[in-house]
Amino acid sequence: MSRREDYAAQVSLVVLRYTLLRLAVFAAVLALLYAAGARGILLAVLTVVVSLALSYLLLARQRDAVAAVVAERVARSHEPRRPGVDEAVEDAEDDARRAAQEESAPNASPRPSSRP
């Protein structure tokens, strides 16, 4: 596995773990409030508010891990790109095309002459 694929897998696992834990907290709060007798819109609103608060308190470590991974990824995306093999190949192809065009019309001027 390449370094890039390994990094992508790490990002996916960290984000997936945090998401699943948030869903588990939501489901647990929903079940508890339903068992306590909350129904309808009250159940939905209370579930969202309580699960957000509990997730904020209980999942701080996982949230920090996700934030660190995202920050690292953003930093990597803003790094200047180093010329790679693909860019070198494209440059060589462009140079070859230009050379071929110049050879096919060596005396062609860029502007037509206005003299007869």
N, C-alpha and C. Protein backbone atom coordinates (compact mmCIF):
# COMPACT_ATOMS: atom_id res chain seq x y z
N MET A 1 0.85 -1.17 0.00
CA MET A 1 0.00 0.00 0.00
C MET A 1 0.90 1.24 0.00
N SER A 2 0.57 2.21 -0.87
CA SER A 2 1.39 3.40 -0.95
C SER A 2 1.14 4.31 0.25
N ARG A 3 2.01 5.26 0.39
CA ARG A 3 1.90 6.18 1.53
C ARG A 3 0.61 6.99 1.45
N ARG A 4 0.24 7.37 0.23
CA ARG A 4 -0.98 8.14 0.04
C ARG A 4 -2.22 7.32 0.38
N GLU A 5 -2.24 6.05 -0.05
CA GLU A 5 -3.36 5.17 0.26
C GLU A 5 -3.45 4.90 1.75
N ASP A 6 -2.30 4.75 2.40
CA ASP A 6 -2.26 4.53 3.84
C ASP A 6 -2.83 5.73 4.57
N TYR A 7 -2.47 6.94 4.12
CA TYR A 7 -2.98 8.16 4.73
C TYR A 7 -4.49 8.27 4.52
N ALA A 8 -4.96 7.96 3.32
CA ALA A 8 -6.39 8.03 3.03
C ALA A 8 -7.17 7.03 3.89
N ALA A 9 -6.60 5.85 4.10
CA ALA A 9 -7.25 4.86 4.96
C ALA A 9 -7.30 5.35 6.39
N GLN A 10 -6.25 5.99 6.86
CA GLN A 10 -6.22 6.53 8.21
C GLN A 10 -7.29 7.60 8.38
N VAL A 11 -7.39 8.49 7.41
CA VAL A 11 -8.40 9.54 7.46
C VAL A 11 -9.79 8.93 7.50
N SER A 12 -10.03 7.96 6.64
CA SER A 12 -11.34 7.32 6.59
C SER A 12 -11.69 6.64 7.90
N LEU A 13 -10.74 5.95 8.50
CA LEU A 13 -11.02 5.26 9.75
C LEU A 13 -11.32 6.23 10.89
N VAL A 14 -10.57 7.30 10.98
CA VAL A 14 -10.78 8.28 12.05
C VAL A 14 -12.15 8.92 11.90
N VAL A 15 -12.49 9.34 10.70
CA VAL A 15 -13.77 9.99 10.46
C VAL A 15 -14.92 8.99 10.64
N LEU A 16 -14.75 7.77 10.16
CA LEU A 16 -15.78 6.75 10.31
C LEU A 16 -16.04 6.43 11.78
N ARG A 17 -14.97 6.27 12.55
CA ARG A 17 -15.12 5.97 13.97
C ARG A 17 -15.88 7.08 14.69
N TYR A 18 -15.52 8.33 14.43
CA TYR A 18 -16.20 9.46 15.07
C TYR A 18 -17.68 9.51 14.67
N THR A 19 -17.95 9.29 13.39
CA THR A 19 -19.33 9.32 12.91
C THR A 19 -20.16 8.22 13.54
N LEU A 20 -19.60 7.01 13.63
CA LEU A 20 -20.33 5.90 14.24
C LEU A 20 -20.58 6.14 15.72
N LEU A 21 -19.61 6.71 16.41
CA LEU A 21 -19.80 7.02 17.83
C LEU A 21 -20.88 8.08 18.01
N ARG A 22 -20.91 9.09 17.14
CA ARG A 22 -21.95 10.12 17.22
C ARG A 22 -23.33 9.50 16.98
N LEU A 23 -23.40 8.59 16.01
CA LEU A 23 -24.69 7.93 15.74
C LEU A 23 -25.12 7.05 16.91
N ALA A 24 -24.16 6.39 17.54
CA ALA A 24 -24.46 5.55 18.70
C ALA A 24 -25.00 6.39 19.85
N VAL A 25 -24.38 7.53 20.08
CA VAL A 25 -24.87 8.43 21.14
C VAL A 25 -26.28 8.89 20.81
N PHE A 26 -26.51 9.26 19.56
CA PHE A 26 -27.84 9.69 19.13
C PHE A 26 -28.88 8.60 19.35
N ALA A 27 -28.54 7.38 18.93
CA ALA A 27 -29.48 6.27 19.07
C ALA A 27 -29.76 5.96 20.54
N ALA A 28 -28.74 6.01 21.38
CA ALA A 28 -28.93 5.74 22.81
C ALA A 28 -29.83 6.80 23.45
N VAL A 29 -29.59 8.05 23.12
CA VAL A 29 -30.43 9.14 23.67
C VAL A 29 -31.85 9.00 23.16
N LEU A 30 -32.01 8.67 21.90
CA LEU A 30 -33.35 8.49 21.33
C LEU A 30 -34.09 7.38 22.07
N ALA A 31 -33.43 6.26 22.28
CA ALA A 31 -34.06 5.14 22.98
C ALA A 31 -34.43 5.50 24.41
N LEU A 32 -33.54 6.18 25.11
CA LEU A 32 -33.82 6.57 26.50
C LEU A 32 -34.98 7.56 26.59
N LEU A 33 -34.99 8.54 25.72
CA LEU A 33 -36.08 9.52 25.75
C LEU A 33 -37.41 8.89 25.33
N TYR A 34 -37.36 7.97 24.38
CA TYR A 34 -38.59 7.27 23.98
C TYR A 34 -39.12 6.43 25.13
N ALA A 35 -38.21 5.76 25.84
CA ALA A 35 -38.61 4.96 27.00
C ALA A 35 -39.15 5.84 28.12
N ALA A 36 -38.67 7.08 28.17
CA ALA A 36 -39.14 8.01 29.21
C ALA A 36 -40.48 8.63 28.84
N GLY A 37 -40.97 8.39 27.62
CA GLY A 37 -42.29 8.87 27.25
C GLY A 37 -42.31 10.03 26.28
N ALA A 38 -41.18 10.49 25.82
CA ALA A 38 -41.16 11.59 24.85
C ALA A 38 -41.61 11.07 23.49
N ARG A 39 -42.44 11.85 22.82
CA ARG A 39 -42.94 11.46 21.51
C ARG A 39 -42.97 12.66 20.57
N GLY A 40 -43.01 12.39 19.28
CA GLY A 40 -43.19 13.42 18.27
C GLY A 40 -42.04 14.40 18.18
N ILE A 41 -42.40 15.66 17.98
CA ILE A 41 -41.40 16.71 17.79
C ILE A 41 -40.56 16.91 19.05
N LEU A 42 -41.15 16.72 20.20
CA LEU A 42 -40.41 16.83 21.46
C LEU A 42 -39.29 15.80 21.51
N LEU A 43 -39.59 14.58 21.10
CA LEU A 43 -38.58 13.53 21.06
C LEU A 43 -37.43 13.91 20.12
N ALA A 44 -37.78 14.41 18.95
CA ALA A 44 -36.75 14.77 17.97
C ALA A 44 -35.87 15.91 18.47
N VAL A 45 -36.48 16.96 18.99
CA VAL A 45 -35.72 18.12 19.46
C VAL A 45 -34.85 17.75 20.65
N LEU A 46 -35.41 17.07 21.62
CA LEU A 46 -34.63 16.67 22.80
C LEU A 46 -33.49 15.73 22.42
N THR A 47 -33.74 14.82 21.50
CA THR A 47 -32.70 13.89 21.09
C THR A 47 -31.53 14.63 20.46
N VAL A 48 -31.82 15.56 19.57
CA VAL A 48 -30.76 16.33 18.91
C VAL A 48 -29.96 17.13 19.94
N VAL A 49 -30.65 17.85 20.81
CA VAL A 49 -29.96 18.72 21.77
C VAL A 49 -29.13 17.90 22.76
N VAL A 50 -29.71 16.86 23.33
CA VAL A 50 -29.00 16.06 24.33
C VAL A 50 -27.85 15.29 23.68
N SER A 51 -28.06 14.73 22.49
CA SER A 51 -26.98 13.97 21.86
C SER A 51 -25.83 14.88 21.43
N LEU A 52 -26.14 16.11 21.01
CA LEU A 52 -25.07 17.05 20.68
C LEU A 52 -24.24 17.39 21.92
N ALA A 53 -24.92 17.64 23.02
CA ALA A 53 -24.21 17.98 24.25
C ALA A 53 -23.36 16.81 24.74
N LEU A 54 -23.93 15.61 24.72
CA LEU A 54 -23.17 14.44 25.16
C LEU A 54 -22.00 14.13 24.23
N SER A 55 -22.23 14.28 22.94
CA SER A 55 -21.14 14.05 21.98
C SER A 55 -20.01 15.04 22.21
N TYR A 56 -20.37 16.28 22.49
CA TYR A 56 -19.36 17.30 22.74
C TYR A 56 -18.53 16.96 23.98
N LEU A 57 -19.19 16.46 25.00
CA LEU A 57 -18.49 16.14 26.25
C LEU A 57 -17.75 14.80 26.18
N LEU A 58 -18.38 13.80 25.61
CA LEU A 58 -17.82 12.44 25.67
C LEU A 58 -16.86 12.11 24.53
N LEU A 59 -16.98 12.79 23.42
CA LEU A 59 -16.18 12.43 22.24
C LEU A 59 -15.13 13.49 21.89
N ALA A 60 -14.62 14.17 22.89
CA ALA A 60 -13.64 15.24 22.65
C ALA A 60 -12.36 14.68 22.02
N ARG A 61 -11.90 13.56 22.49
CA ARG A 61 -10.66 12.98 21.97
C ARG A 61 -10.81 12.59 20.49
N GLN A 62 -11.94 11.96 20.16
CA GLN A 62 -12.18 11.56 18.78
C GLN A 62 -12.37 12.79 17.87
N ARG A 63 -13.06 13.82 18.40
CA ARG A 63 -13.26 15.05 17.63
C ARG A 63 -11.92 15.74 17.36
N ASP A 64 -11.04 15.74 18.36
CA ASP A 64 -9.71 16.33 18.17
C ASP A 64 -8.90 15.55 17.12
N ALA A 65 -9.05 14.23 17.12
CA ALA A 65 -8.34 13.40 16.13
C ALA A 65 -8.83 13.72 14.72
N VAL A 66 -10.14 13.88 14.56
CA VAL A 66 -10.69 14.22 13.25
C VAL A 66 -10.21 15.61 12.84
N ALA A 67 -10.21 16.55 13.77
CA ALA A 67 -9.77 17.91 13.46
C ALA A 67 -8.30 17.92 13.04
N ALA A 68 -7.47 17.13 13.72
CA ALA A 68 -6.05 17.06 13.37
C ALA A 68 -5.84 16.48 11.98
N VAL A 69 -6.58 15.43 11.66
CA VAL A 69 -6.45 14.80 10.35
C VAL A 69 -6.92 15.76 9.25
N VAL A 70 -8.01 16.45 9.49
CA VAL A 70 -8.52 17.40 8.50
C VAL A 70 -7.55 18.56 8.33
N ALA A 71 -7.01 19.07 9.44
CA ALA A 71 -6.05 20.18 9.36
C ALA A 71 -4.79 19.76 8.59
N GLU A 72 -4.34 18.54 8.82
CA GLU A 72 -3.16 18.04 8.10
C GLU A 72 -3.45 17.93 6.61
N ARG A 73 -4.64 17.47 6.29
CA ARG A 73 -5.01 17.32 4.89
C ARG A 73 -5.10 18.68 4.20
N VAL A 74 -5.65 19.66 4.90
CA VAL A 74 -5.73 21.01 4.33
C VAL A 74 -4.34 21.58 4.13
N ALA A 75 -3.46 21.36 5.11
CA ALA A 75 -2.08 21.85 4.99
C ALA A 75 -1.38 21.19 3.80
N ARG A 76 -1.61 19.91 3.60
CA ARG A 76 -1.00 19.22 2.46
C ARG A 76 -1.52 19.76 1.14
N SER A 77 -2.80 20.12 1.10
CA SER A 77 -3.37 20.61 -0.15
C SER A 77 -2.84 22.00 -0.50
N HIS A 78 -2.34 22.74 0.48
CA HIS A 78 -1.80 24.06 0.22
C HIS A 78 -0.29 24.07 0.01
N GLU A 79 0.34 22.92 0.10
CA GLU A 79 1.78 22.85 -0.16
C GLU A 79 2.04 23.07 -1.64
N PRO A 80 3.14 23.74 -1.96
CA PRO A 80 3.46 23.89 -3.38
C PRO A 80 3.76 22.53 -4.00
N ARG A 81 3.24 22.33 -5.18
CA ARG A 81 3.45 21.04 -5.86
C ARG A 81 4.84 20.99 -6.43
N ARG A 82 5.46 19.86 -6.26
CA ARG A 82 6.77 19.64 -6.86
C ARG A 82 6.57 19.00 -8.22
N PRO A 83 7.37 19.43 -9.21
CA PRO A 83 7.20 18.84 -10.53
C PRO A 83 7.38 17.32 -10.47
N GLY A 84 6.44 16.64 -11.04
CA GLY A 84 6.51 15.18 -11.03
C GLY A 84 6.80 14.63 -12.40
N VAL A 85 6.76 13.35 -12.50
CA VAL A 85 7.06 12.68 -13.77
C VAL A 85 6.03 13.05 -14.82
N ASP A 86 4.76 13.10 -14.44
CA ASP A 86 3.71 13.41 -15.41
C ASP A 86 3.91 14.79 -16.01
N GLU A 87 4.25 15.76 -15.17
CA GLU A 87 4.45 17.10 -15.67
C GLU A 87 5.66 17.17 -16.60
N ALA A 88 6.71 16.43 -16.28
CA ALA A 88 7.90 16.41 -17.14
C ALA A 88 7.56 15.79 -18.50
N VAL A 89 6.74 14.74 -18.50
CA VAL A 89 6.34 14.10 -19.75
C VAL A 89 5.50 15.07 -20.58
N GLU A 90 4.56 15.77 -19.93
CA GLU A 90 3.73 16.73 -20.65
C GLU A 90 4.58 17.85 -21.24
N ASP A 91 5.54 18.34 -20.47
CA ASP A 91 6.43 19.39 -20.98
C ASP A 91 7.21 18.91 -22.20
N ALA A 92 7.71 17.69 -22.14
CA ALA A 92 8.47 17.13 -23.27
C ALA A 92 7.58 16.99 -24.50
N GLU A 93 6.33 16.56 -24.32
CA GLU A 93 5.41 16.43 -25.45
C GLU A 93 5.09 17.79 -26.05
N ASP A 94 4.88 18.79 -25.22
CA ASP A 94 4.63 20.15 -25.71
C ASP A 94 5.82 20.67 -26.51
N ASP A 95 7.01 20.47 -25.99
CA ASP A 95 8.22 20.91 -26.69
C ASP A 95 8.35 20.21 -28.05
N ALA A 96 8.06 18.92 -28.08
CA ALA A 96 8.15 18.16 -29.33
C ALA A 96 7.13 18.68 -30.34
N ARG A 97 5.91 18.98 -29.90
CA ARG A 97 4.89 19.51 -30.79
C ARG A 97 5.30 20.86 -31.36
N ARG A 98 5.81 21.72 -30.51
CA ARG A 98 6.26 23.04 -30.98
C ARG A 98 7.40 22.91 -31.99
N ALA A 99 8.34 22.01 -31.71
CA ALA A 99 9.46 21.81 -32.62
C ALA A 99 8.97 21.29 -33.96
N ALA A 100 8.00 20.40 -33.95
CA ALA A 100 7.45 19.85 -35.19
C ALA A 100 6.73 20.93 -35.98
N GLN A 101 6.01 21.81 -35.30
CA GLN A 101 5.31 22.89 -35.99
C GLN A 101 6.29 23.87 -36.61
N GLU A 102 7.36 24.16 -35.89
CA GLU A 102 8.37 25.08 -36.42
C GLU A 102 9.09 24.49 -37.62
N GLU A 103 9.33 23.19 -37.61
CA GLU A 103 10.00 22.53 -38.73
C GLU A 103 9.11 22.47 -39.96
N SER A 104 7.81 22.31 -39.77
CA SER A 104 6.91 22.20 -40.92
C SER A 104 6.72 23.55 -41.61
N ALA A 105 6.84 24.65 -40.91
CA ALA A 105 6.69 25.98 -41.51
C ALA A 105 7.79 26.89 -40.98
N PRO A 106 9.05 26.68 -41.45
CA PRO A 106 10.15 27.46 -40.89
C PRO A 106 10.12 28.93 -41.28
N ASN A 107 9.58 29.29 -42.45
CA ASN A 107 9.59 30.68 -42.89
C ASN A 107 8.27 31.39 -42.65
N ALA A 108 7.36 30.73 -42.04
CA ALA A 108 6.06 31.34 -41.79
C ALA A 108 6.21 32.41 -40.71
N SER A 109 5.71 33.58 -41.04
CA SER A 109 5.79 34.66 -40.06
C SER A 109 4.47 34.69 -39.28
N PRO A 110 4.50 35.20 -38.08
CA PRO A 110 3.28 35.22 -37.29
C PRO A 110 2.23 36.15 -37.87
N ARG A 111 2.66 37.25 -38.53
CA ARG A 111 1.71 38.19 -39.12
C ARG A 111 1.87 38.18 -40.64
N PRO A 112 0.78 38.21 -41.33
CA PRO A 112 0.90 38.31 -42.80
C PRO A 112 1.45 39.69 -43.18
N SER A 113 2.21 39.72 -44.21
CA SER A 113 2.79 40.97 -44.68
C SER A 113 1.76 41.75 -45.47
N SER A 114 1.77 43.08 -45.30
CA SER A 114 0.83 43.90 -46.05
C SER A 114 1.41 44.29 -47.41
N ARG A 115 2.67 43.97 -47.68
CA ARG A 115 3.30 44.28 -48.96
C ARG A 115 2.95 43.21 -49.98
N PRO A 116 2.74 43.64 -51.25
CA PRO A 116 2.42 42.65 -52.29
C PRO A 116 3.60 41.88 -52.77
